[in-house]
Amino acid sequence: MSTQGNKKTFIGLVASDKMAKTVVVEVTRRMRHPVYKKYIKQRNRYKADDPANECRVGDRVLIEECRPISKDKRWRVKQILDRAV
């Protein structure tokens, strides 16, 4: 996670592209458990705006925070980093 101005950005994998102009991006991060001190994976799923319908399942994308576009969409696909094989 990084902040550019006030906008947050995340890198994640596209988990679903079945909606029109929307993709579900899964962001995985490792965090240390507060009691057991073991590293565990934590995932969050964000709905991101993809106006050109370019993203496919498995693509690595950069998403950034934006104004609310719909009830669930508050993120926009900024760049496709890697294409799925």
PDB file of N, CA and C in Angstrom:
ATOM      1  N   MET A   1       0.841  -1.183   0.000  1.00  0.00           N
ATOM      2  CA  MET A   1       0.000   0.000   0.000  1.00  0.00           C
ATOM      3  C   MET A   1       0.879   1.237   0.000  1.00  0.00           C
ATOM      4  N   SER A   2       0.541   2.190  -0.853  1.00  0.00           N
ATOM      5  CA  SER A   2       1.248   3.456  -0.854  1.00  0.00           C
ATOM      6  C   SER A   2       0.242   4.568  -1.044  1.00  0.00           C
ATOM      7  N   THR A   3       0.607   5.762  -0.625  1.00  0.00           N
ATOM      8  CA  THR A   3      -0.297   6.886  -0.789  1.00  0.00           C
ATOM      9  C   THR A   3       0.347   7.912  -1.696  1.00  0.00           C
ATOM     10  N   GLN A   4      -0.406   8.357  -2.677  1.00  0.00           N
ATOM     11  CA  GLN A   4       0.053   9.399  -3.577  1.00  0.00           C
ATOM     12  C   GLN A   4      -0.949  10.525  -3.433  1.00  0.00           C
ATOM     13  N   GLY A   5      -0.560  11.585  -2.746  1.00  0.00           N
ATOM     14  CA  GLY A   5      -1.538  12.582  -2.363  1.00  0.00           C
ATOM     15  C   GLY A   5      -2.414  11.964  -1.299  1.00  0.00           C
ATOM     16  N   ASN A   6      -3.710  11.888  -1.555  1.00  0.00           N
ATOM     17  CA  ASN A   6      -4.616  11.250  -0.612  1.00  0.00           C
ATOM     18  C   ASN A   6      -5.172   9.949  -1.153  1.00  0.00           C
ATOM     19  N   LYS A   7      -4.708   9.502  -2.326  1.00  0.00           N
ATOM     20  CA  LYS A   7      -5.262   8.304  -2.940  1.00  0.00           C
ATOM     21  C   LYS A   7      -4.430   7.077  -2.596  1.00  0.00           C
ATOM     22  N   LYS A   8      -5.092   6.039  -2.072  1.00  0.00           N
ATOM     23  CA  LYS A   8      -4.407   4.790  -1.773  1.00  0.00           C
ATOM     24  C   LYS A   8      -4.316   3.964  -3.045  1.00  0.00           C
ATOM     25  N   THR A   9      -3.269   3.156  -3.154  1.00  0.00           N
ATOM     26  CA  THR A   9      -3.125   2.238  -4.284  1.00  0.00           C
ATOM     27  C   THR A   9      -2.771   0.857  -3.749  1.00  0.00           C
ATOM     28  N   PHE A  10      -3.273  -0.181  -4.425  1.00  0.00           N
ATOM     29  CA  PHE A  10      -2.974  -1.565  -4.084  1.00  0.00           C
ATOM     30  C   PHE A  10      -2.643  -2.323  -5.351  1.00  0.00           C
ATOM     31  N   ILE A  11      -1.867  -3.398  -5.215  1.00  0.00           N
ATOM     32  CA  ILE A  11      -1.604  -4.316  -6.317  1.00  0.00           C
ATOM     33  C   ILE A  11      -2.274  -5.639  -5.963  1.00  0.00           C
ATOM     34  N   GLY A  12      -3.044  -6.177  -6.899  1.00  0.00           N
ATOM     35  CA  GLY A  12      -3.751  -7.419  -6.625  1.00  0.00           C
ATOM     36  C   GLY A  12      -4.055  -8.191  -7.890  1.00  0.00           C
ATOM     37  N   LEU A  13      -4.670  -9.358  -7.714  1.00  0.00           N
ATOM     38  CA  LEU A  13      -5.036 -10.227  -8.831  1.00  0.00           C
ATOM     39  C   LEU A  13      -6.528 -10.106  -9.106  1.00  0.00           C
ATOM     40  N   VAL A  14      -6.875 -10.127 -10.386  1.00  0.00           N
ATOM     41  CA  VAL A  14      -8.284 -10.079 -10.765  1.00  0.00           C
ATOM     42  C   VAL A  14      -8.896 -11.447 -10.478  1.00  0.00           C
ATOM     43  N   ALA A  15      -9.926 -11.467  -9.613  1.00  0.00           N
ATOM     44  CA  ALA A  15     -10.574 -12.715  -9.233  1.00  0.00           C
ATOM     45  C   ALA A  15     -11.811 -12.981 -10.075  1.00  0.00           C
ATOM     46  N   SER A  16     -12.474 -11.928 -10.555  1.00  0.00           N
ATOM     47  CA  SER A  16     -13.686 -12.094 -11.346  1.00  0.00           C
ATOM     48  C   SER A  16     -13.829 -10.922 -12.307  1.00  0.00           C
ATOM     49  N   ASP A  17     -14.275 -11.230 -13.532  1.00  0.00           N
ATOM     50  CA  ASP A  17     -14.525 -10.180 -14.525  1.00  0.00           C
ATOM     51  C   ASP A  17     -15.905 -10.353 -15.161  1.00  0.00           C
ATOM     52  N   LYS A  18     -16.824 -10.949 -14.411  1.00  0.00           N
ATOM     53  CA  LYS A  18     -18.125 -11.296 -14.978  1.00  0.00           C
ATOM     54  C   LYS A  18     -19.090 -10.117 -15.061  1.00  0.00           C
ATOM     55  N   MET A  19     -18.825  -9.053 -14.332  1.00  0.00           N
ATOM     56  CA  MET A  19     -19.714  -7.896 -14.369  1.00  0.00           C
ATOM     57  C   MET A  19     -19.290  -6.945 -15.484  1.00  0.00           C
ATOM     58  N   ALA A  20     -20.212  -6.135 -15.945  1.00  0.00           N
ATOM     59  CA  ALA A  20     -19.910  -5.165 -16.994  1.00  0.00           C
ATOM     60  C   ALA A  20     -19.172  -3.976 -16.379  1.00  0.00           C
ATOM     61  N   LYS A  21     -17.999  -3.665 -16.936  1.00  0.00           N
ATOM     62  CA  LYS A  21     -17.178  -2.521 -16.522  1.00  0.00           C
ATOM     63  C   LYS A  21     -16.728  -2.593 -15.066  1.00  0.00           C
ATOM     64  N   THR A  22     -16.725  -3.784 -14.485  1.00  0.00           N
ATOM     65  CA  THR A  22     -16.305  -3.964 -13.095  1.00  0.00           C
ATOM     66  C   THR A  22     -15.498  -5.243 -12.966  1.00  0.00           C
ATOM     67  N   VAL A  23     -14.430  -5.195 -12.165  1.00  0.00           N
ATOM     68  CA  VAL A  23     -13.672  -6.399 -11.847  1.00  0.00           C
ATOM     69  C   VAL A  23     -13.537  -6.496 -10.329  1.00  0.00           C
ATOM     70  N   VAL A  24     -13.417  -7.726  -9.839  1.00  0.00           N
ATOM     71  CA  VAL A  24     -13.152  -7.956  -8.426  1.00  0.00           C
ATOM     72  C   VAL A  24     -11.664  -8.239  -8.296  1.00  0.00           C
ATOM     73  N   VAL A  25     -10.971  -7.424  -7.506  1.00  0.00           N
ATOM     74  CA  VAL A  25      -9.525  -7.551  -7.332  1.00  0.00           C
ATOM     75  C   VAL A  25      -9.250  -8.045  -5.923  1.00  0.00           C
ATOM     76  N   GLU A  26      -8.462  -9.114  -5.831  1.00  0.00           N
ATOM     77  CA  GLU A  26      -8.122  -9.710  -4.544  1.00  0.00           C
ATOM     78  C   GLU A  26      -6.713  -9.266  -4.159  1.00  0.00           C
ATOM     79  N   VAL A  27      -6.620  -8.552  -3.043  1.00  0.00           N
ATOM     80  CA  VAL A  27      -5.340  -8.047  -2.549  1.00  0.00           C
ATOM     81  C   VAL A  27      -4.947  -8.894  -1.345  1.00  0.00           C
ATOM     82  N   THR A  28      -3.785  -9.545  -1.430  1.00  0.00           N
ATOM     83  CA  THR A  28      -3.299 -10.405  -0.353  1.00  0.00           C
ATOM     84  C   THR A  28      -2.118  -9.729   0.328  1.00  0.00           C
ATOM     85  N   ARG A  29      -2.143  -9.715   1.659  1.00  0.00           N
ATOM     86  CA  ARG A  29      -0.998  -9.180   2.395  1.00  0.00           C
ATOM     87  C   ARG A  29      -0.691 -10.103   3.563  1.00  0.00           C
ATOM     88  N   ARG A  30       0.574 -10.082   3.968  1.00  0.00           N
ATOM     89  CA  ARG A  30       0.998 -10.898   5.099  1.00  0.00           C
ATOM     90  C   ARG A  30       1.039 -10.038   6.345  1.00  0.00           C
ATOM     91  N   MET A  31       0.432 -10.548   7.412  1.00  0.00           N
ATOM     92  CA  MET A  31       0.476  -9.821   8.678  1.00  0.00           C
ATOM     93  C   MET A  31       0.907 -10.765   9.792  1.00  0.00           C
ATOM     94  N   ARG A  32       1.484 -10.211  10.806  1.00  0.00           N
ATOM     95  CA  ARG A  32       1.946 -11.010  11.925  1.00  0.00           C
ATOM     96  C   ARG A  32       0.839 -11.134  12.959  1.00  0.00           C
ATOM     97  N   HIS A  33       0.574 -12.359  13.397  1.00  0.00           N
ATOM     98  CA  HIS A  33      -0.486 -12.589  14.376  1.00  0.00           C
ATOM     99  C   HIS A  33      -0.078 -11.958  15.709  1.00  0.00           C
ATOM    100  N   PRO A  34      -0.976 -11.203  16.349  1.00  0.00           N
ATOM    101  CA  PRO A  34      -0.589 -10.482  17.566  1.00  0.00           C
ATOM    102  C   PRO A  34      -0.225 -11.374  18.747  1.00  0.00           C
ATOM    103  N   VAL A  35      -0.813 -12.566  18.844  1.00  0.00           N
ATOM    104  CA  VAL A  35      -0.526 -13.449  19.981  1.00  0.00           C
ATOM    105  C   VAL A  35       0.539 -14.482  19.628  1.00  0.00           C
ATOM    106  N   TYR A  36       0.346 -15.166  18.482  1.00  0.00           N
ATOM    107  CA  TYR A  36       1.216 -16.294  18.147  1.00  0.00           C
ATOM    108  C   TYR A  36       2.459 -15.895  17.355  1.00  0.00           C
ATOM    109  N   LYS A  37       2.542 -14.645  16.913  1.00  0.00           N
ATOM    110  CA  LYS A  37       3.720 -14.100  16.214  1.00  0.00           C
ATOM    111  C   LYS A  37       4.043 -14.846  14.920  1.00  0.00           C
ATOM    112  N   LYS A  38       3.050 -15.531  14.372  1.00  0.00           N
ATOM    113  CA  LYS A  38       3.251 -16.259  13.126  1.00  0.00           C
ATOM    114  C   LYS A  38       2.662 -15.422  11.992  1.00  0.00           C
ATOM    115  N   TYR A  39       3.308 -15.454  10.819  1.00  0.00           N
ATOM    116  CA  TYR A  39       2.811 -14.687   9.692  1.00  0.00           C
ATOM    117  C   TYR A  39       1.652 -15.416   9.021  1.00  0.00           C
ATOM    118  N   ILE A  40       0.557 -14.691   8.805  1.00  0.00           N
ATOM    119  CA  ILE A  40      -0.618 -15.266   8.163  1.00  0.00           C
ATOM    120  C   ILE A  40      -1.005 -14.375   6.985  1.00  0.00           C
ATOM    121  N   LYS A  41      -1.655 -14.998   5.994  1.00  0.00           N
ATOM    122  CA  LYS A  41      -2.120 -14.238   4.836  1.00  0.00           C
ATOM    123  C   LYS A  41      -3.498 -13.677   5.122  1.00  0.00           C
ATOM    124  N   GLN A  42      -3.680 -12.434   4.755  1.00  0.00           N
ATOM    125  CA  GLN A  42      -4.985 -11.807   4.888  1.00  0.00           C
ATOM    126  C   GLN A  42      -5.368 -11.268   3.518  1.00  0.00           C
ATOM    127  N   ARG A  43      -6.603 -11.540   3.073  1.00  0.00           N
ATOM    128  CA  ARG A  43      -7.000 -11.085   1.752  1.00  0.00           C
ATOM    129  C   ARG A  43      -8.214 -10.183   1.854  1.00  0.00           C
ATOM    130  N   ASN A  44      -8.223  -9.185   1.014  1.00  0.00           N
ATOM    131  CA  ASN A  44      -9.375  -8.304   0.879  1.00  0.00           C
ATOM    132  C   ASN A  44      -9.764  -8.284  -0.582  1.00  0.00           C
ATOM    133  N   ARG A  45     -11.058  -8.201  -0.841  1.00  0.00           N
ATOM    134  CA  ARG A  45     -11.556  -8.169  -2.213  1.00  0.00           C
ATOM    135  C   ARG A  45     -12.214  -6.817  -2.454  1.00  0.00           C
ATOM    136  N   TYR A  46     -11.781  -6.154  -3.515  1.00  0.00           N
ATOM    137  CA  TYR A  46     -12.301  -4.832  -3.850  1.00  0.00           C
ATOM    138  C   TYR A  46     -12.947  -4.886  -5.226  1.00  0.00           C
ATOM    139  N   LYS A  47     -14.073  -4.189  -5.391  1.00  0.00           N
ATOM    140  CA  LYS A  47     -14.676  -4.028  -6.708  1.00  0.00           C
ATOM    141  C   LYS A  47     -14.095  -2.769  -7.323  1.00  0.00           C
ATOM    142  N   ALA A  48     -13.522  -2.924  -8.504  1.00  0.00           N
ATOM    143  CA  ALA A  48     -12.843  -1.809  -9.157  1.00  0.00           C
ATOM    144  C   ALA A  48     -13.466  -1.539 -10.519  1.00  0.00           C
ATOM    145  N   ASP A  49     -13.472  -0.273 -10.895  1.00  0.00           N
ATOM    146  CA  ASP A  49     -14.038   0.156 -12.168  1.00  0.00           C
ATOM    147  C   ASP A  49     -13.050  -0.146 -13.289  1.00  0.00           C
ATOM    148  N   ASP A  50     -13.528  -0.793 -14.339  1.00  0.00           N
ATOM    149  CA  ASP A  50     -12.728  -1.117 -15.527  1.00  0.00           C
ATOM    150  C   ASP A  50     -13.545  -0.694 -16.747  1.00  0.00           C
ATOM    151  N   PRO A  51     -13.531   0.602 -17.093  1.00  0.00           N
ATOM    152  CA  PRO A  51     -14.456   1.102 -18.117  1.00  0.00           C
ATOM    153  C   PRO A  51     -14.290   0.474 -19.489  1.00  0.00           C
ATOM    154  N   ALA A  52     -13.088   0.038 -19.843  1.00  0.00           N
ATOM    155  CA  ALA A  52     -12.855  -0.529 -21.175  1.00  0.00           C
ATOM    156  C   ALA A  52     -13.005  -2.046 -21.206  1.00  0.00           C
ATOM    157  N   ASN A  53     -13.303  -2.685 -20.076  1.00  0.00           N
ATOM    158  CA  ASN A  53     -13.404  -4.148 -19.980  1.00  0.00           C
ATOM    159  C   ASN A  53     -12.150  -4.852 -20.489  1.00  0.00           C
ATOM    160  N   GLU A  54     -10.976  -4.360 -20.098  1.00  0.00           N
ATOM    161  CA  GLU A  54      -9.704  -4.924 -20.568  1.00  0.00           C
ATOM    162  C   GLU A  54      -9.191  -6.040 -19.671  1.00  0.00           C
ATOM    163  N   CYS A  55      -9.545  -6.026 -18.389  1.00  0.00           N
ATOM    164  CA  CYS A  55      -8.979  -6.980 -17.432  1.00  0.00           C
ATOM    165  C   CYS A  55      -9.606  -8.357 -17.593  1.00  0.00           C
ATOM    166  N   ARG A  56      -8.781  -9.391 -17.396  1.00  0.00           N
ATOM    167  CA  ARG A  56      -9.232 -10.780 -17.412  1.00  0.00           C
ATOM    168  C   ARG A  56      -8.826 -11.438 -16.100  1.00  0.00           C
ATOM    169  N   VAL A  57      -9.447 -12.560 -15.780  1.00  0.00           N
ATOM    170  CA  VAL A  57      -9.148 -13.275 -14.535  1.00  0.00           C
ATOM    171  C   VAL A  57      -7.674 -13.684 -14.532  1.00  0.00           C
ATOM    172  N   GLY A  58      -6.973 -13.405 -13.441  1.00  0.00           N
ATOM    173  CA  GLY A  58      -5.569 -13.765 -13.302  1.00  0.00           C
ATOM    174  C   GLY A  58      -4.609 -12.626 -13.585  1.00  0.00           C
ATOM    175  N   ASP A  59      -5.084 -11.514 -14.138  1.00  0.00           N
ATOM    176  CA  ASP A  59      -4.208 -10.366 -14.393  1.00  0.00           C
ATOM    177  C   ASP A  59      -3.784  -9.725 -13.079  1.00  0.00           C
ATOM    178  N   ARG A  60      -2.535  -9.228 -13.040  1.00  0.00           N
ATOM    179  CA  ARG A  60      -2.078  -8.429 -11.899  1.00  0.00           C
ATOM    180  C   ARG A  60      -2.331  -6.970 -12.242  1.00  0.00           C
ATOM    181  N   VAL A  61      -3.051  -6.273 -11.376  1.00  0.00           N
ATOM    182  CA  VAL A  61      -3.432  -4.897 -11.680  1.00  0.00           C
ATOM    183  C   VAL A  61      -3.102  -3.966 -10.516  1.00  0.00           C
ATOM    184  N   LEU A  62      -2.967  -2.694 -10.851  1.00  0.00           N
ATOM    185  CA  LEU A  62      -2.793  -1.633  -9.868  1.00  0.00           C
ATOM    186  C   LEU A  62      -4.124  -0.893  -9.775  1.00  0.00           C
ATOM    187  N   ILE A  63      -4.698  -0.837  -8.567  1.00  0.00           N
ATOM    188  CA  ILE A  63      -5.961  -0.123  -8.400  1.00  0.00           C
ATOM    189  C   ILE A  63      -5.725   1.080  -7.496  1.00  0.00           C
ATOM    190  N   GLU A  64      -6.506   2.141  -7.729  1.00  0.00           N
ATOM    191  CA  GLU A  64      -6.383   3.329  -6.894  1.00  0.00           C
ATOM    192  C   GLU A  64      -7.754   3.764  -6.423  1.00  0.00           C
ATOM    193  N   GLU A  65      -7.756   4.411  -5.275  1.00  0.00           N
ATOM    194  CA  GLU A  65      -8.966   4.895  -4.656  1.00  0.00           C
ATOM    195  C   GLU A  65      -9.569   6.015  -5.510  1.00  0.00           C
ATOM    196  N   CYS A  66     -10.899   6.082  -5.560  1.00  0.00           N
ATOM    197  CA  CYS A  66     -11.558   7.157  -6.295  1.00  0.00           C
ATOM    198  C   CYS A  66     -12.887   7.477  -5.630  1.00  0.00           C
ATOM    199  N   ARG A  67     -13.626   8.377  -6.217  1.00  0.00           N
ATOM    200  CA  ARG A  67     -14.936   8.737  -5.680  1.00  0.00           C
ATOM    201  C   ARG A  67     -15.866   7.532  -5.783  1.00  0.00           C
ATOM    202  N   PRO A  68     -16.919   7.460  -4.997  1.00  0.00           N
ATOM    203  CA  PRO A  68     -17.858   6.347  -5.118  1.00  0.00           C
ATOM    204  C   PRO A  68     -18.532   6.345  -6.492  1.00  0.00           C
ATOM    205  N   ILE A  69     -18.422   5.211  -7.186  1.00  0.00           N
ATOM    206  CA  ILE A  69     -19.012   5.078  -8.517  1.00  0.00           C
ATOM    207  C   ILE A  69     -20.362   4.382  -8.404  1.00  0.00           C
ATOM    208  N   SER A  70     -20.488   3.439  -7.480  1.00  0.00           N
ATOM    209  CA  SER A  70     -21.760   2.765  -7.220  1.00  0.00           C
ATOM    210  C   SER A  70     -21.785   2.396  -5.742  1.00  0.00           C
ATOM    211  N   LYS A  71     -22.719   1.541  -5.372  1.00  0.00           N
ATOM    212  CA  LYS A  71     -22.852   1.150  -3.966  1.00  0.00           C
ATOM    213  C   LYS A  71     -21.572   0.514  -3.433  1.00  0.00           C
ATOM    214  N   ASP A  72     -20.937  -0.347  -4.228  1.00  0.00           N
ATOM    215  CA  ASP A  72     -19.744  -1.076  -3.777  1.00  0.00           C
ATOM    216  C   ASP A  72     -18.446  -0.575  -4.383  1.00  0.00           C
ATOM    217  N   LYS A  73     -18.497   0.101  -5.523  1.00  0.00           N
ATOM    218  CA  LYS A  73     -17.271   0.477  -6.238  1.00  0.00           C
ATOM    219  C   LYS A  73     -16.705   1.795  -5.738  1.00  0.00           C
ATOM    220  N   ARG A  74     -15.489   1.715  -5.150  1.00  0.00           N
ATOM    221  CA  ARG A  74     -14.759   2.915  -4.739  1.00  0.00           C
ATOM    222  C   ARG A  74     -13.321   2.883  -5.230  1.00  0.00           C
ATOM    223  N   TRP A  75     -13.025   1.995  -6.171  1.00  0.00           N
ATOM    224  CA  TRP A  75     -11.670   1.817  -6.699  1.00  0.00           C
ATOM    225  C   TRP A  75     -11.716   1.824  -8.216  1.00  0.00           C
ATOM    226  N   ARG A  76     -10.600   2.179  -8.840  1.00  0.00           N
ATOM    227  CA  ARG A  76     -10.490   2.229 -10.298  1.00  0.00           C
ATOM    228  C   ARG A  76      -9.201   1.520 -10.710  1.00  0.00           C
ATOM    229  N   VAL A  77      -9.265   0.729 -11.772  1.00  0.00           N
ATOM    230  CA  VAL A  77      -8.068   0.078 -12.292  1.00  0.00           C
ATOM    231  C   VAL A  77      -7.207   1.145 -12.952  1.00  0.00           C
ATOM    232  N   LYS A  78      -6.001   1.318 -12.437  1.00  0.00           N
ATOM    233  CA  LYS A  78      -5.112   2.344 -12.977  1.00  0.00           C
ATOM    234  C   LYS A  78      -4.223   1.773 -14.072  1.00  0.00           C
ATOM    235  N   GLN A  79      -3.756   0.516 -13.861  1.00  0.00           N
ATOM    236  CA  GLN A  79      -2.803  -0.059 -14.812  1.00  0.00           C
ATOM    237  C   GLN A  79      -2.850  -1.590 -14.714  1.00  0.00           C
ATOM    238  N   ILE A  80      -2.680  -2.240 -15.852  1.00  0.00           N
ATOM    239  CA  ILE A  80      -2.530  -3.700 -15.863  1.00  0.00           C
ATOM    240  C   ILE A  80      -1.040  -3.983 -15.871  1.00  0.00           C
ATOM    241  N   LEU A  81      -0.548  -4.647 -14.829  1.00  0.00           N
ATOM    242  CA  LEU A  81       0.892  -4.886 -14.690  1.00  0.00           C
ATOM    243  C   LEU A  81       1.322  -6.148 -15.423  1.00  0.00           C
ATOM    244  N   ASP A  82       0.607  -7.265 -15.219  1.00  0.00           N
ATOM    245  CA  ASP A  82       0.920  -8.536 -15.884  1.00  0.00           C
ATOM    246  C   ASP A  82      -0.361  -9.143 -16.415  1.00  0.00           C
ATOM    247  N   ARG A  83      -0.269  -9.714 -17.599  1.00  0.00           N
ATOM    248  CA  ARG A  83      -1.409 -10.422 -18.173  1.00  0.00           C
ATOM    249  C   ARG A  83      -1.401 -11.876 -17.727  1.00  0.00           C
ATOM    250  N   ALA A  84      -2.586 -12.477 -17.613  1.00  0.00           N
ATOM    251  CA  ALA A  84      -2.688 -13.893 -17.267  1.00  0.00           C
ATOM    252  C   ALA A  84      -2.253 -14.728 -18.470  1.00  0.00           C
ATOM    253  N   VAL A  85      -1.672 -15.870 -18.203  1.00  0.00           N
ATOM    254  CA  VAL A  85      -1.178 -16.740 -19.273  1.00  0.00           C
ATOM    255  C   VAL A  85      -2.337 -17.471 -19.912  1.00  0.00           C
TER     256      VAL A  85
END
